[in-house]
């Protein structure tokens, strides 16, 4: 029975030698920029939609201009800040709660640079609520996928990701690998 459970759990793991896996490993930096660039663009767009209450159908005088400007400023600035913080070197496959503080710090620094540039460019006539909503959305969109997969392991094991197979095998035998109990 234990072998069958181990085999099932092993079958659920993505293959490490498949063509997609090899392509992602070979072009890791490209996927990093694509992923975090998409998160930055999505957070900017959603912040404008939320702030202006779905008003892209109505005429709001400066809404499209503000959106385009913030999109052109926020995405490159955040990518530079994320790279400067070394987030491109993190193994996101085993990311956990210990990887969240540097990510939040990078988002806050990037948002501060965005705010300074945009408020300077528009002499303060830029909606500050969009900047706040954008920061919160960017944190949510970046932190949740990074911390969710191993959050329970890092909480239970004191900040470390489990060794491959070791914790699962003890859990499969009916006892927890650590002091944390599993359902």
Protein backbone atom coordinates (compact mmCIF):
# COMPACT_ATOMS: atom_id res chain seq x y z
CA UNK A 1 0.00 0.00 0.00
CA UNK A 2 2.81 2.40 0.90
CA UNK A 3 4.57 1.70 -2.38
CA UNK A 4 1.38 2.43 -4.28
CA UNK A 5 1.00 5.77 -2.52
CA UNK A 6 4.65 6.64 -3.22
CA UNK A 7 4.18 5.71 -6.86
CA UNK A 8 1.04 7.86 -7.11
CA UNK A 9 2.74 10.84 -5.49
CA UNK A 10 5.75 10.35 -7.76
CA UNK A 11 3.47 10.31 -10.80
CA UNK A 12 1.99 13.67 -9.76
CA UNK A 13 5.40 15.38 -9.93
CA UNK A 14 6.10 17.10 -13.22
CA UNK A 15 8.79 15.44 -15.31
CA UNK A 16 12.20 17.02 -14.95
CA UNK A 17 13.54 15.84 -18.29
CA UNK A 18 10.64 16.80 -20.55
CA UNK A 19 10.97 19.33 -23.37
CA UNK A 20 9.03 22.07 -21.54
CA UNK A 21 11.08 21.63 -18.38
CA UNK A 22 14.33 21.79 -20.33
CA UNK A 23 13.17 24.90 -22.21
CA UNK A 24 12.24 26.68 -18.97
CA UNK A 25 15.60 25.82 -17.42
CA UNK A 26 17.49 26.90 -20.52
CA UNK A 27 15.65 30.25 -20.77
CA UNK A 28 15.13 30.90 -17.06
CA UNK A 29 15.86 34.64 -17.19
CA UNK A 30 13.43 35.11 -20.08
CA UNK A 31 10.66 33.39 -18.13
CA UNK A 32 11.51 35.48 -15.06
CA UNK A 33 11.11 38.73 -17.04
CA UNK A 34 7.94 37.47 -18.77
CA UNK A 35 6.32 36.35 -15.49
CA UNK A 36 7.12 39.43 -13.41
CA UNK A 37 6.52 41.78 -16.35
CA UNK A 38 3.05 40.25 -16.78
CA UNK A 39 2.38 40.62 -13.04
CA UNK A 40 3.45 44.29 -13.13
CA UNK A 41 1.32 45.04 -16.21
CA UNK A 42 -1.69 43.21 -14.78
CA UNK A 43 -1.46 45.02 -11.45
CA UNK A 44 -1.24 48.42 -13.19
CA UNK A 45 -4.21 47.68 -15.43
CA UNK A 46 -6.35 46.26 -12.62
CA UNK A 47 -5.53 49.19 -10.35
CA UNK A 48 -6.87 51.63 -12.93
CA UNK A 49 -9.96 49.52 -13.54
CA UNK A 50 -10.65 49.26 -9.79
CA UNK A 51 -9.94 52.94 -9.09
CA UNK A 52 -12.03 54.32 -11.92
CA UNK A 53 -14.84 51.83 -11.31
CA UNK A 54 -14.84 50.01 -14.63
CA UNK A 55 -15.11 53.31 -16.50
CA UNK A 56 -13.26 52.38 -19.69
CA UNK A 57 -16.63 52.60 -21.45
CA UNK A 58 -17.19 56.20 -20.34
CA UNK A 59 -15.05 59.17 -21.24
CA UNK A 60 -12.70 59.99 -18.38
CA UNK A 61 -10.43 62.84 -19.53
CA UNK A 62 -6.94 61.66 -18.60
CA UNK A 63 -7.56 57.99 -17.75
CA UNK A 64 -5.96 56.43 -20.89
CA UNK A 65 -2.97 58.78 -20.78
CA UNK A 66 -2.31 58.04 -17.10
CA UNK A 67 -2.66 54.29 -17.71
CA UNK A 68 -0.25 54.24 -20.66
CA UNK A 69 2.31 56.37 -18.82
CA UNK A 70 2.17 54.25 -15.67
CA UNK A 71 2.41 51.06 -17.73
CA UNK A 72 5.49 52.36 -19.55
CA UNK A 73 7.11 53.43 -16.27
CA UNK A 74 6.08 50.69 -13.81
CA UNK A 75 6.95 47.56 -15.78
CA UNK A 76 10.58 48.42 -16.62
CA UNK A 77 11.23 49.99 -13.20
CA UNK A 78 9.92 46.93 -11.37
CA UNK A 79 11.89 44.54 -13.54
CA UNK A 80 15.08 46.49 -12.87
CA UNK A 81 14.37 46.59 -9.12
CA UNK A 82 13.52 42.85 -9.03
CA UNK A 83 16.78 42.11 -10.81
CA UNK A 84 18.73 44.42 -8.49
CA UNK A 85 17.26 42.59 -5.48
CA UNK A 86 18.45 39.30 -6.98
CA UNK A 87 15.01 37.76 -7.37
CA UNK A 88 16.06 36.24 -10.71
CA UNK A 89 18.39 33.90 -8.79
CA UNK A 90 15.66 32.45 -6.54
CA UNK A 91 14.49 28.92 -7.28
CA UNK A 92 10.74 29.55 -7.48
CA UNK A 93 10.08 25.82 -7.61
CA UNK A 94 10.97 25.56 -3.93
CA UNK A 95 9.97 29.09 -2.89
CA UNK A 96 8.47 29.46 0.53
CA UNK A 97 7.75 31.94 3.27
CA UNK A 98 11.44 32.84 3.67
CA UNK A 99 11.40 34.18 0.10
CA UNK A 100 8.48 36.53 0.74
CA UNK A 101 10.23 39.43 2.60
CA UNK A 102 12.73 40.14 -0.22
CA UNK A 103 9.87 40.01 -2.73
CA UNK A 104 7.77 42.46 -0.69
CA UNK A 105 10.78 44.75 -0.21
CA UNK A 106 11.44 44.77 -3.96
CA UNK A 107 7.78 45.57 -4.69
CA UNK A 108 7.76 48.42 -2.16
CA UNK A 109 11.01 49.91 -3.51
CA UNK A 110 9.76 49.57 -7.11
CA UNK A 111 6.46 51.20 -6.20
CA UNK A 112 8.26 54.06 -4.45
CA UNK A 113 10.34 54.68 -7.59
CA UNK A 114 7.18 54.50 -9.73
CA UNK A 115 5.40 57.00 -7.49
CA UNK A 116 8.34 59.40 -7.48
CA UNK A 117 8.71 59.30 -11.27
CA UNK A 118 4.99 59.63 -12.01
CA UNK A 119 4.33 62.37 -9.45
CA UNK A 120 7.35 64.30 -10.73
CA UNK A 121 6.27 63.89 -14.38
CA UNK A 122 2.72 65.09 -13.69
CA UNK A 123 3.68 67.68 -11.02
CA UNK A 124 1.58 65.84 -8.44
CA UNK A 125 -1.55 65.63 -10.61
CA UNK A 126 -1.57 61.82 -10.71
CA UNK A 127 -4.12 59.73 -8.79
CA UNK A 128 -2.27 58.51 -5.71
CA UNK A 129 -4.96 55.96 -4.97
CA UNK A 130 -3.96 54.13 -8.16
CA UNK A 131 -0.40 53.89 -6.85
CA UNK A 132 -1.57 52.40 -3.56
CA UNK A 133 -3.96 49.94 -5.23
CA UNK A 134 -1.22 48.96 -7.66
CA UNK A 135 1.24 48.23 -4.85
CA UNK A 136 -1.24 46.04 -2.99
CA UNK A 137 -2.27 44.18 -6.16
CA UNK A 138 1.33 43.61 -7.20
CA UNK A 139 2.11 42.18 -3.76
CA UNK A 140 -0.89 39.87 -3.92
CA UNK A 141 -0.18 38.70 -7.46
CA UNK A 142 3.51 38.06 -6.77
CA UNK A 143 3.47 36.74 -3.20
CA UNK A 144 0.54 34.32 -3.34
CA UNK A 145 1.96 32.12 -6.15
CA UNK A 146 5.44 32.25 -4.62
CA UNK A 147 4.45 31.33 -1.06
CA UNK A 148 1.46 29.04 -1.47
CA UNK A 149 3.00 25.72 -2.62
CA UNK A 150 5.37 25.28 0.29
CA UNK A 151 3.81 27.55 2.92
CA UNK A 152 2.73 24.66 5.11
CA UNK A 153 6.16 23.00 4.84
CA UNK A 154 8.10 26.14 5.69
CA UNK A 155 5.80 26.84 8.63
CA UNK A 156 6.11 23.29 9.95
CA UNK A 157 9.81 22.79 9.32
CA UNK A 158 11.09 26.13 10.58
CA UNK A 159 11.82 27.79 7.26
CA UNK A 160 13.21 24.97 5.15
CA UNK A 161 11.73 23.18 2.20
CA UNK A 162 11.44 19.42 2.71
CA UNK A 163 13.98 17.09 1.19
CA UNK A 164 12.53 15.50 -1.90
CA UNK A 165 10.58 12.38 -0.98
CA UNK A 166 11.64 12.23 2.66
CA UNK A 167 8.72 14.11 4.20
CA UNK A 168 6.22 12.60 1.80
CA UNK A 169 7.33 9.07 2.57
CA UNK A 170 6.96 9.52 6.33
CA UNK A 171 3.56 11.13 5.81
CA UNK A 172 2.54 8.19 3.65
CA UNK A 173 3.49 5.82 6.47
CA UNK A 174 0.84 7.50 8.63
CA UNK A 175 2.95 9.75 10.82
CA UNK A 176 3.97 13.36 10.25
CA UNK A 177 7.52 14.19 9.24
CA UNK A 178 7.67 16.98 11.81
CA UNK A 179 5.73 18.15 14.79
CA UNK A 180 3.05 19.56 12.47
CA UNK A 181 0.20 17.15 11.85
CA UNK A 182 -1.15 16.55 8.36
CA UNK A 183 -4.81 15.69 7.66
